[in-house]
Amino acid sequence: MKVALRVKKNEEFQEIIKLKKFVACPSFALYIKPKSGKYSRFGISCGKKMGNAVVRNKIKRQCRGMLQELDSANKRFDGILMVRQAYHKLSYEENKKSLESLLKKVKI
């Protein structure tokens, strides 16, 4: 996922989360905000309970790769992808399928 397609600022994270529009599965929660722009942007949040900094960065890197493979940039929303504890229990492919079904659930 390109850097321009990421939500980075804390204010943007809080704005999206305050809307309280989300869809969830055991591995992920996706908070969404409708957008009229050309591309969607995503931010990834991974809590400290998921592991140390190395593990969290690996998880975020994998999630960015999944979003890029699923071609989620063509959607019309900004989103915050929160990773849950069940992420560790599933393989990369299972998590990818879970994220794909989660993105299909989004109704704007």
N, C-alpha and C. Protein backbone atom coordinates (compact mmCIF):
# COMPACT_ATOMS: atom_id res chain seq x y z
N MET A 1 0.84 -1.17 0.00
CA MET A 1 0.00 0.00 0.00
C MET A 1 0.89 1.24 0.00
N LYS A 2 0.64 2.15 -0.90
CA LYS A 2 1.45 3.36 -1.01
C LYS A 2 1.23 4.26 0.20
N VAL A 3 2.25 5.04 0.50
CA VAL A 3 2.19 5.92 1.67
C VAL A 3 1.07 6.95 1.53
N ALA A 4 0.80 7.41 0.33
CA ALA A 4 -0.27 8.40 0.11
C ALA A 4 -1.65 7.82 0.41
N LEU A 5 -1.77 6.51 0.43
CA LEU A 5 -3.07 5.87 0.66
C LEU A 5 -3.23 5.41 2.11
N ARG A 6 -2.50 6.03 3.03
CA ARG A 6 -2.58 5.65 4.44
C ARG A 6 -3.13 6.79 5.27
N VAL A 7 -3.88 6.43 6.29
CA VAL A 7 -4.31 7.39 7.29
C VAL A 7 -3.23 7.37 8.36
N LYS A 8 -2.65 8.53 8.66
CA LYS A 8 -1.53 8.57 9.60
C LYS A 8 -1.79 9.41 10.83
N LYS A 9 -2.46 10.52 10.68
CA LYS A 9 -2.60 11.47 11.77
C LYS A 9 -3.61 11.01 12.80
N ASN A 10 -3.31 11.29 14.06
CA ASN A 10 -4.17 10.91 15.17
C ASN A 10 -5.55 11.52 15.01
N GLU A 11 -5.63 12.77 14.55
CA GLU A 11 -6.93 13.43 14.38
C GLU A 11 -7.79 12.67 13.37
N GLU A 12 -7.17 12.18 12.31
CA GLU A 12 -7.91 11.42 11.30
C GLU A 12 -8.40 10.10 11.86
N PHE A 13 -7.55 9.42 12.65
CA PHE A 13 -7.95 8.17 13.29
C PHE A 13 -9.17 8.42 14.18
N GLN A 14 -9.10 9.45 15.03
CA GLN A 14 -10.18 9.74 15.97
C GLN A 14 -11.47 10.12 15.24
N GLU A 15 -11.35 10.86 14.16
CA GLU A 15 -12.51 11.27 13.38
C GLU A 15 -13.25 10.07 12.80
N ILE A 16 -12.49 9.12 12.29
CA ILE A 16 -13.10 7.91 11.70
C ILE A 16 -13.72 7.03 12.78
N ILE A 17 -13.04 6.89 13.90
CA ILE A 17 -13.53 6.02 14.97
C ILE A 17 -14.77 6.63 15.64
N LYS A 18 -14.84 7.96 15.75
CA LYS A 18 -15.98 8.62 16.39
C LYS A 18 -17.29 8.38 15.67
N LEU A 19 -17.25 8.13 14.37
CA LEU A 19 -18.48 7.87 13.62
C LEU A 19 -19.14 6.57 14.06
N LYS A 20 -18.38 5.65 14.62
CA LYS A 20 -18.87 4.37 15.15
C LYS A 20 -19.59 3.53 14.09
N LYS A 21 -19.13 3.64 12.86
CA LYS A 21 -19.62 2.79 11.78
C LYS A 21 -18.57 1.73 11.54
N PHE A 22 -18.87 0.48 11.85
CA PHE A 22 -17.86 -0.55 11.67
C PHE A 22 -18.46 -1.90 11.36
N VAL A 23 -17.62 -2.75 10.79
CA VAL A 23 -17.94 -4.15 10.58
C VAL A 23 -16.81 -4.95 11.24
N ALA A 24 -17.13 -6.16 11.67
CA ALA A 24 -16.12 -6.90 12.43
C ALA A 24 -16.18 -8.39 12.12
N CYS A 25 -15.07 -9.04 12.38
CA CYS A 25 -14.94 -10.49 12.32
C CYS A 25 -13.98 -10.85 13.46
N PRO A 26 -13.73 -12.13 13.71
CA PRO A 26 -12.85 -12.48 14.84
C PRO A 26 -11.44 -11.91 14.76
N SER A 27 -10.89 -11.74 13.58
CA SER A 27 -9.51 -11.27 13.45
C SER A 27 -9.38 -9.76 13.29
N PHE A 28 -10.41 -9.11 12.77
CA PHE A 28 -10.32 -7.69 12.47
C PHE A 28 -11.59 -6.95 12.85
N ALA A 29 -11.45 -5.64 13.05
CA ALA A 29 -12.58 -4.70 13.12
C ALA A 29 -12.22 -3.57 12.15
N LEU A 30 -13.16 -3.19 11.31
CA LEU A 30 -12.92 -2.16 10.31
C LEU A 30 -13.88 -1.01 10.53
N TYR A 31 -13.34 0.13 10.99
CA TYR A 31 -14.12 1.35 11.14
C TYR A 31 -14.06 2.10 9.82
N ILE A 32 -15.21 2.64 9.39
CA ILE A 32 -15.26 3.25 8.07
C ILE A 32 -15.87 4.65 8.13
N LYS A 33 -15.48 5.46 7.16
CA LYS A 33 -16.01 6.81 6.98
C LYS A 33 -16.20 7.01 5.49
N PRO A 34 -17.43 7.31 5.04
CA PRO A 34 -17.67 7.53 3.61
C PRO A 34 -16.80 8.67 3.09
N LYS A 35 -16.43 8.56 1.82
CA LYS A 35 -15.54 9.55 1.22
C LYS A 35 -15.93 9.73 -0.24
N SER A 36 -15.79 10.96 -0.72
CA SER A 36 -16.14 11.23 -2.11
C SER A 36 -14.91 11.24 -3.01
N GLY A 37 -13.74 11.03 -2.44
CA GLY A 37 -12.50 11.09 -3.21
C GLY A 37 -12.33 9.93 -4.17
N LYS A 38 -11.22 9.96 -4.87
CA LYS A 38 -10.92 8.96 -5.89
C LYS A 38 -10.48 7.64 -5.28
N TYR A 39 -9.66 7.70 -4.22
CA TYR A 39 -9.11 6.50 -3.61
C TYR A 39 -9.49 6.42 -2.14
N SER A 40 -9.51 5.21 -1.63
CA SER A 40 -9.72 5.04 -0.20
C SER A 40 -8.36 5.02 0.49
N ARG A 41 -8.38 5.35 1.77
CA ARG A 41 -7.16 5.32 2.57
C ARG A 41 -7.41 4.45 3.79
N PHE A 42 -6.37 3.78 4.25
CA PHE A 42 -6.50 2.91 5.40
C PHE A 42 -5.43 3.22 6.43
N GLY A 43 -5.81 3.07 7.69
CA GLY A 43 -4.87 3.12 8.79
C GLY A 43 -4.96 1.78 9.50
N ILE A 44 -3.86 1.31 10.06
CA ILE A 44 -3.84 0.01 10.72
C ILE A 44 -3.45 0.21 12.17
N SER A 45 -4.23 -0.37 13.06
CA SER A 45 -3.98 -0.26 14.49
C SER A 45 -3.79 -1.65 15.07
N CYS A 46 -2.71 -1.80 15.83
CA CYS A 46 -2.38 -3.09 16.43
C CYS A 46 -1.98 -2.82 17.87
N GLY A 47 -2.73 -3.34 18.84
CA GLY A 47 -2.50 -3.06 20.25
C GLY A 47 -1.28 -3.76 20.82
N LYS A 48 -0.84 -3.28 21.98
CA LYS A 48 0.34 -3.84 22.63
C LYS A 48 0.17 -5.29 23.06
N LYS A 49 -1.06 -5.71 23.25
CA LYS A 49 -1.30 -7.10 23.66
C LYS A 49 -0.98 -8.09 22.55
N MET A 50 -0.83 -7.60 21.34
CA MET A 50 -0.52 -8.47 20.21
C MET A 50 0.94 -8.95 20.24
N GLY A 51 1.81 -8.24 20.95
CA GLY A 51 3.21 -8.64 21.01
C GLY A 51 4.11 -7.43 21.10
N ASN A 52 5.40 -7.68 21.02
CA ASN A 52 6.34 -6.56 21.09
C ASN A 52 6.36 -5.80 19.77
N ALA A 53 7.18 -4.77 19.66
CA ALA A 53 7.19 -3.89 18.49
C ALA A 53 7.50 -4.65 17.20
N VAL A 54 8.37 -5.62 17.28
CA VAL A 54 8.74 -6.38 16.08
C VAL A 54 7.53 -7.16 15.55
N VAL A 55 6.80 -7.79 16.46
CA VAL A 55 5.62 -8.58 16.08
C VAL A 55 4.53 -7.66 15.53
N ARG A 56 4.29 -6.53 16.20
CA ARG A 56 3.25 -5.59 15.75
C ARG A 56 3.57 -5.03 14.37
N ASN A 57 4.83 -4.70 14.14
CA ASN A 57 5.22 -4.19 12.82
C ASN A 57 5.06 -5.25 11.74
N LYS A 58 5.35 -6.49 12.08
CA LYS A 58 5.16 -7.59 11.12
C LYS A 58 3.67 -7.74 10.77
N ILE A 59 2.82 -7.66 11.78
CA ILE A 59 1.38 -7.77 11.55
C ILE A 59 0.88 -6.64 10.66
N LYS A 60 1.33 -5.42 10.95
CA LYS A 60 0.91 -4.27 10.14
C LYS A 60 1.41 -4.38 8.71
N ARG A 61 2.62 -4.88 8.54
CA ARG A 61 3.19 -5.08 7.20
C ARG A 61 2.36 -6.11 6.43
N GLN A 62 1.98 -7.20 7.11
CA GLN A 62 1.15 -8.23 6.47
C GLN A 62 -0.22 -7.67 6.09
N CYS A 63 -0.80 -6.87 6.96
CA CYS A 63 -2.12 -6.29 6.68
C CYS A 63 -2.05 -5.33 5.50
N ARG A 64 -1.00 -4.53 5.42
CA ARG A 64 -0.84 -3.64 4.27
C ARG A 64 -0.72 -4.46 2.98
N GLY A 65 0.00 -5.56 3.05
CA GLY A 65 0.13 -6.44 1.89
C GLY A 65 -1.21 -7.04 1.49
N MET A 66 -1.99 -7.46 2.48
CA MET A 66 -3.32 -8.02 2.19
C MET A 66 -4.21 -6.99 1.53
N LEU A 67 -4.21 -5.77 2.05
CA LEU A 67 -5.05 -4.71 1.48
C LEU A 67 -4.62 -4.40 0.06
N GLN A 68 -3.34 -4.43 -0.20
CA GLN A 68 -2.84 -4.15 -1.55
C GLN A 68 -3.23 -5.27 -2.51
N GLU A 69 -3.12 -6.53 -2.06
CA GLU A 69 -3.48 -7.66 -2.91
C GLU A 69 -4.98 -7.69 -3.21
N LEU A 70 -5.78 -7.24 -2.25
CA LEU A 70 -7.23 -7.24 -2.43
C LEU A 70 -7.73 -6.03 -3.21
N ASP A 71 -6.81 -5.15 -3.60
CA ASP A 71 -7.13 -3.97 -4.39
C ASP A 71 -8.24 -3.15 -3.73
N SER A 72 -8.03 -2.84 -2.47
CA SER A 72 -9.04 -2.10 -1.69
C SER A 72 -9.00 -0.61 -1.95
N ALA A 73 -8.02 -0.11 -2.70
CA ALA A 73 -7.91 1.33 -2.96
C ALA A 73 -9.04 1.85 -3.83
N ASN A 74 -9.74 1.00 -4.53
CA ASN A 74 -10.81 1.45 -5.42
C ASN A 74 -12.14 1.63 -4.71
N LYS A 75 -12.20 1.34 -3.42
CA LYS A 75 -13.41 1.55 -2.64
C LYS A 75 -13.59 3.04 -2.42
N ARG A 76 -14.73 3.44 -1.88
CA ARG A 76 -15.02 4.86 -1.66
C ARG A 76 -15.16 5.17 -0.16
N PHE A 77 -14.18 4.81 0.62
CA PHE A 77 -14.22 5.13 2.05
C PHE A 77 -12.82 5.15 2.64
N ASP A 78 -12.70 5.84 3.77
CA ASP A 78 -11.49 5.78 4.57
C ASP A 78 -11.76 4.78 5.68
N GLY A 79 -10.74 4.04 6.07
CA GLY A 79 -10.96 3.02 7.09
C GLY A 79 -9.81 2.87 8.05
N ILE A 80 -10.14 2.39 9.25
CA ILE A 80 -9.16 2.03 10.25
C ILE A 80 -9.32 0.53 10.49
N LEU A 81 -8.28 -0.22 10.22
CA LEU A 81 -8.30 -1.66 10.40
C LEU A 81 -7.66 -1.98 11.74
N MET A 82 -8.46 -2.48 12.68
CA MET A 82 -7.95 -2.85 13.99
C MET A 82 -7.77 -4.35 14.04
N VAL A 83 -6.57 -4.76 14.41
CA VAL A 83 -6.24 -6.18 14.44
C VAL A 83 -6.58 -6.73 15.82
N ARG A 84 -7.25 -7.88 15.87
CA ARG A 84 -7.67 -8.50 17.13
C ARG A 84 -6.80 -9.71 17.46
N GLN A 85 -6.97 -10.24 18.66
CA GLN A 85 -6.16 -11.35 19.15
C GLN A 85 -6.29 -12.62 18.30
N ALA A 86 -7.42 -12.85 17.70
CA ALA A 86 -7.63 -14.06 16.90
C ALA A 86 -6.74 -14.10 15.67
N TYR A 87 -6.10 -12.99 15.33
CA TYR A 87 -5.20 -12.93 14.18
C TYR A 87 -4.08 -13.96 14.31
N HIS A 88 -3.58 -14.15 15.52
CA HIS A 88 -2.48 -15.09 15.75
C HIS A 88 -2.88 -16.55 15.54
N LYS A 89 -4.15 -16.86 15.73
CA LYS A 89 -4.62 -18.24 15.65
C LYS A 89 -4.77 -18.74 14.22
N LEU A 90 -4.87 -17.81 13.27
CA LEU A 90 -5.11 -18.19 11.88
C LEU A 90 -3.87 -17.96 11.03
N SER A 91 -3.80 -18.63 9.91
CA SER A 91 -2.68 -18.46 8.98
C SER A 91 -2.88 -17.18 8.16
N TYR A 92 -1.86 -16.82 7.41
CA TYR A 92 -1.91 -15.63 6.56
C TYR A 92 -3.06 -15.73 5.56
N GLU A 93 -3.21 -16.87 4.91
CA GLU A 93 -4.26 -17.04 3.91
C GLU A 93 -5.65 -16.97 4.53
N GLU A 94 -5.82 -17.57 5.71
CA GLU A 94 -7.12 -17.51 6.37
C GLU A 94 -7.45 -16.07 6.78
N ASN A 95 -6.45 -15.34 7.28
CA ASN A 95 -6.66 -13.95 7.64
C ASN A 95 -7.00 -13.12 6.41
N LYS A 96 -6.37 -13.43 5.28
CA LYS A 96 -6.64 -12.70 4.04
C LYS A 96 -8.08 -12.93 3.59
N LYS A 97 -8.55 -14.18 3.66
CA LYS A 97 -9.93 -14.49 3.29
C LYS A 97 -10.90 -13.78 4.23
N SER A 98 -10.55 -13.74 5.51
CA SER A 98 -11.37 -13.06 6.49
C SER A 98 -11.47 -11.57 6.19
N LEU A 99 -10.35 -10.95 5.83
CA LEU A 99 -10.34 -9.53 5.49
C LEU A 99 -11.12 -9.27 4.21
N GLU A 100 -11.02 -10.18 3.25
CA GLU A 100 -11.75 -10.03 2.00
C GLU A 100 -13.26 -10.07 2.24
N SER A 101 -13.72 -10.98 3.07
CA SER A 101 -15.14 -11.05 3.38
C SER A 101 -15.59 -9.82 4.18
N LEU A 102 -14.70 -9.30 5.00
CA LEU A 102 -15.01 -8.10 5.77
C LEU A 102 -15.19 -6.89 4.85
N LEU A 103 -14.32 -6.76 3.85
CA LEU A 103 -14.43 -5.65 2.90
C LEU A 103 -15.70 -5.76 2.05
N LYS A 104 -16.15 -6.98 1.80
CA LYS A 104 -17.39 -7.17 1.03
C LYS A 104 -18.62 -6.76 1.85
N LYS A 105 -18.53 -6.85 3.18
CA LYS A 105 -19.64 -6.49 4.06
C LYS A 105 -19.89 -4.99 4.13
N VAL A 106 -18.88 -4.20 3.78
CA VAL A 106 -18.99 -2.75 3.91
C VAL A 106 -20.06 -2.20 2.99
N LYS A 107 -21.01 -1.49 3.57
CA LYS A 107 -22.09 -0.86 2.80
C LYS A 107 -22.01 0.64 3.06
N ILE A 108 -21.77 1.40 2.02
CA ILE A 108 -21.68 2.86 2.15
C ILE A 108 -22.91 3.48 1.51
